[in-house]
Amino acid sequence: MLQTYLHQLEDAAAKCGVRLLDAYLEAGLADSNYYRHRQGVHEVSEKIAVRVLAAIQKLAARKLKSAARRIA
C-alpha cells in the first residue's frame, strides 16, 4: 500500500526522534502549513516533502551531536 507524503514524514520524524512540527519550522515553513497538512486541508507536495525530510535529517544530526557532547 502506498503511503502519503505526510505518513512518510511522520514515520521519518518518529524514527529520528524529531517532532514533525519542528521539522516544518526548520524547513522554513509556517506552522499553519503543518496544521493544514495534518487536518487534510491540503496535501503535502513532493517539493515540501523533500524540504521537510531534509530538515528532519538535519535536526536528527543536531540531536545526535548534542547527545555526543553530553557524553564526552
N, C-alpha and C. Protein backbone atom coordinates (compact mmCIF):
# COMPACT_ATOMS: atom_id res chain seq x y z
N MET A 1 0.84 -1.19 0.00
CA MET A 1 0.00 0.00 0.00
C MET A 1 0.88 1.25 0.00
N LEU A 2 0.52 2.21 -0.79
CA LEU A 2 1.27 3.45 -0.86
C LEU A 2 0.95 4.34 0.33
N GLN A 3 1.97 4.99 0.82
CA GLN A 3 1.78 5.93 1.93
C GLN A 3 1.82 7.36 1.38
N THR A 4 1.06 8.22 1.99
CA THR A 4 1.10 9.62 1.59
C THR A 4 2.42 10.22 2.04
N TYR A 5 2.75 11.36 1.48
CA TYR A 5 3.96 12.06 1.91
C TYR A 5 3.89 12.37 3.40
N LEU A 6 2.71 12.74 3.88
CA LEU A 6 2.57 13.07 5.30
C LEU A 6 2.91 11.86 6.16
N HIS A 7 2.40 10.68 5.80
CA HIS A 7 2.70 9.49 6.60
C HIS A 7 4.18 9.14 6.54
N GLN A 8 4.80 9.33 5.39
CA GLN A 8 6.23 9.07 5.27
C GLN A 8 7.03 10.03 6.15
N LEU A 9 6.62 11.29 6.18
CA LEU A 9 7.30 12.28 7.02
C LEU A 9 7.09 11.97 8.50
N GLU A 10 5.88 11.57 8.86
CA GLU A 10 5.60 11.21 10.25
C GLU A 10 6.48 10.04 10.68
N ASP A 11 6.60 9.04 9.82
CA ASP A 11 7.43 7.87 10.12
C ASP A 11 8.89 8.26 10.27
N ALA A 12 9.39 9.08 9.35
CA ALA A 12 10.79 9.51 9.40
C ALA A 12 11.07 10.31 10.67
N ALA A 13 10.16 11.20 11.02
CA ALA A 13 10.34 12.02 12.22
C ALA A 13 10.34 11.13 13.47
N ALA A 14 9.43 10.17 13.53
CA ALA A 14 9.35 9.28 14.69
C ALA A 14 10.62 8.45 14.81
N LYS A 15 11.12 7.93 13.71
CA LYS A 15 12.34 7.11 13.74
C LYS A 15 13.55 7.92 14.20
N CYS A 16 13.54 9.22 13.87
CA CYS A 16 14.68 10.08 14.23
C CYS A 16 14.49 10.76 15.57
N GLY A 17 13.32 10.60 16.18
CA GLY A 17 13.05 11.24 17.46
C GLY A 17 12.91 12.74 17.36
N VAL A 18 12.34 13.19 16.26
CA VAL A 18 12.18 14.62 15.98
C VAL A 18 10.69 14.93 15.87
N ARG A 19 10.29 16.06 16.40
CA ARG A 19 8.89 16.48 16.24
C ARG A 19 8.70 16.98 14.81
N LEU A 20 7.66 16.51 14.15
CA LEU A 20 7.41 16.91 12.77
C LEU A 20 7.18 18.41 12.66
N LEU A 21 6.52 19.00 13.62
CA LEU A 21 6.31 20.45 13.60
C LEU A 21 7.65 21.18 13.60
N ASP A 22 8.60 20.72 14.40
CA ASP A 22 9.93 21.33 14.42
C ASP A 22 10.61 21.23 13.06
N ALA A 23 10.40 20.11 12.38
CA ALA A 23 10.99 19.93 11.06
C ALA A 23 10.37 20.91 10.06
N TYR A 24 9.08 21.11 10.13
CA TYR A 24 8.43 22.10 9.25
C TYR A 24 9.04 23.47 9.48
N LEU A 25 9.19 23.85 10.74
CA LEU A 25 9.75 25.16 11.06
C LEU A 25 11.21 25.25 10.59
N GLU A 26 11.98 24.19 10.79
CA GLU A 26 13.38 24.17 10.35
C GLU A 26 13.47 24.30 8.83
N ALA A 27 12.47 23.78 8.13
CA ALA A 27 12.44 23.84 6.67
C ALA A 27 12.00 25.22 6.17
N GLY A 28 11.69 26.12 7.10
CA GLY A 28 11.28 27.47 6.71
C GLY A 28 9.81 27.59 6.38
N LEU A 29 9.02 26.62 6.81
CA LEU A 29 7.59 26.63 6.56
C LEU A 29 6.84 27.15 7.78
N ALA A 30 5.72 27.76 7.55
CA ALA A 30 4.90 28.25 8.66
C ALA A 30 4.23 27.08 9.37
N ASP A 31 4.00 27.24 10.66
CA ASP A 31 3.34 26.17 11.40
C ASP A 31 1.93 25.91 10.87
N SER A 32 1.32 26.91 10.24
CA SER A 32 -0.01 26.72 9.67
C SER A 32 0.01 25.68 8.55
N ASN A 33 1.12 25.58 7.82
CA ASN A 33 1.23 24.55 6.79
C ASN A 33 1.16 23.16 7.43
N TYR A 34 1.88 23.00 8.52
CA TYR A 34 1.88 21.72 9.24
C TYR A 34 0.46 21.36 9.65
N TYR A 35 -0.26 22.30 10.26
CA TYR A 35 -1.60 22.02 10.75
C TYR A 35 -2.58 21.76 9.60
N ARG A 36 -2.43 22.48 8.49
CA ARG A 36 -3.29 22.23 7.32
C ARG A 36 -3.06 20.84 6.76
N HIS A 37 -1.79 20.44 6.70
CA HIS A 37 -1.49 19.09 6.20
C HIS A 37 -2.04 18.03 7.15
N ARG A 38 -1.88 18.24 8.44
CA ARG A 38 -2.38 17.27 9.43
C ARG A 38 -3.90 17.12 9.36
N GLN A 39 -4.58 18.23 9.12
CA GLN A 39 -6.04 18.21 9.07
C GLN A 39 -6.56 17.75 7.71
N GLY A 40 -5.66 17.60 6.74
CA GLY A 40 -6.08 17.17 5.41
C GLY A 40 -6.65 18.27 4.55
N VAL A 41 -6.47 19.51 4.97
CA VAL A 41 -6.95 20.64 4.18
C VAL A 41 -6.18 20.72 2.87
N HIS A 42 -4.88 20.47 2.93
CA HIS A 42 -4.01 20.46 1.75
C HIS A 42 -3.16 19.20 1.80
N GLU A 43 -2.83 18.68 0.64
CA GLU A 43 -1.91 17.55 0.55
C GLU A 43 -0.48 18.08 0.56
N VAL A 44 0.44 17.28 1.05
CA VAL A 44 1.85 17.64 1.04
C VAL A 44 2.39 17.41 -0.37
N SER A 45 2.99 18.43 -0.95
CA SER A 45 3.57 18.29 -2.29
C SER A 45 4.93 17.61 -2.18
N GLU A 46 5.43 17.12 -3.29
CA GLU A 46 6.74 16.48 -3.30
C GLU A 46 7.82 17.48 -2.87
N LYS A 47 7.72 18.70 -3.35
CA LYS A 47 8.71 19.74 -3.02
C LYS A 47 8.76 19.98 -1.51
N ILE A 48 7.60 20.08 -0.89
CA ILE A 48 7.53 20.30 0.56
C ILE A 48 8.06 19.07 1.30
N ALA A 49 7.69 17.88 0.83
CA ALA A 49 8.13 16.65 1.49
C ALA A 49 9.66 16.55 1.48
N VAL A 50 10.28 16.90 0.38
CA VAL A 50 11.74 16.86 0.28
C VAL A 50 12.37 17.85 1.26
N ARG A 51 11.81 19.06 1.33
CA ARG A 51 12.34 20.07 2.26
C ARG A 51 12.21 19.63 3.71
N VAL A 52 11.06 19.08 4.05
CA VAL A 52 10.82 18.67 5.44
C VAL A 52 11.68 17.46 5.78
N LEU A 53 11.85 16.53 4.86
CA LEU A 53 12.70 15.37 5.12
C LEU A 53 14.15 15.81 5.36
N ALA A 54 14.63 16.76 4.58
CA ALA A 54 15.98 17.28 4.80
C ALA A 54 16.08 17.92 6.18
N ALA A 55 15.04 18.62 6.59
CA ALA A 55 15.03 19.25 7.92
C ALA A 55 15.01 18.20 9.02
N ILE A 56 14.28 17.11 8.82
CA ILE A 56 14.25 16.02 9.80
C ILE A 56 15.66 15.47 9.97
N GLN A 57 16.33 15.23 8.86
CA GLN A 57 17.69 14.69 8.91
C GLN A 57 18.64 15.67 9.60
N LYS A 58 18.48 16.95 9.32
CA LYS A 58 19.32 17.97 9.94
C LYS A 58 19.10 18.02 11.45
N LEU A 59 17.84 18.00 11.87
CA LEU A 59 17.53 18.04 13.29
C LEU A 59 18.02 16.77 14.00
N ALA A 60 17.89 15.64 13.34
CA ALA A 60 18.35 14.38 13.94
C ALA A 60 19.87 14.41 14.13
N ALA A 61 20.59 14.93 13.13
CA ALA A 61 22.05 15.03 13.23
C ALA A 61 22.44 15.98 14.36
N ARG A 62 21.73 17.08 14.47
CA ARG A 62 21.99 18.05 15.53
C ARG A 62 21.73 17.42 16.90
N LYS A 63 20.67 16.63 16.99
CA LYS A 63 20.32 15.96 18.24
C LYS A 63 21.41 14.95 18.64
N LEU A 64 21.92 14.20 17.67
CA LEU A 64 22.99 13.23 17.94
C LEU A 64 24.27 13.94 18.38
N LYS A 65 24.57 15.03 17.71
CA LYS A 65 25.77 15.80 18.05
C LYS A 65 25.68 16.34 19.48
N SER A 66 24.51 16.82 19.83
CA SER A 66 24.28 17.36 21.18
C SER A 66 24.42 16.25 22.22
N ALA A 67 23.88 15.07 21.92
CA ALA A 67 23.97 13.95 22.85
C ALA A 67 25.42 13.50 23.00
N ALA A 68 26.17 13.52 21.91
CA ALA A 68 27.58 13.11 21.96
C ALA A 68 28.39 14.08 22.84
N ARG A 69 28.06 15.36 22.77
CA ARG A 69 28.76 16.35 23.61
C ARG A 69 28.49 16.10 25.10
N ARG A 70 27.26 15.72 25.42
CA ARG A 70 26.92 15.47 26.82
C ARG A 70 27.66 14.25 27.35
N ILE A 71 27.88 13.27 26.50
CA ILE A 71 28.57 12.06 26.92
C ILE A 71 30.06 12.31 27.09
N ALA A 72 30.61 13.12 26.19
CA ALA A 72 32.06 13.38 26.20
C ALA A 72 32.46 14.31 27.27
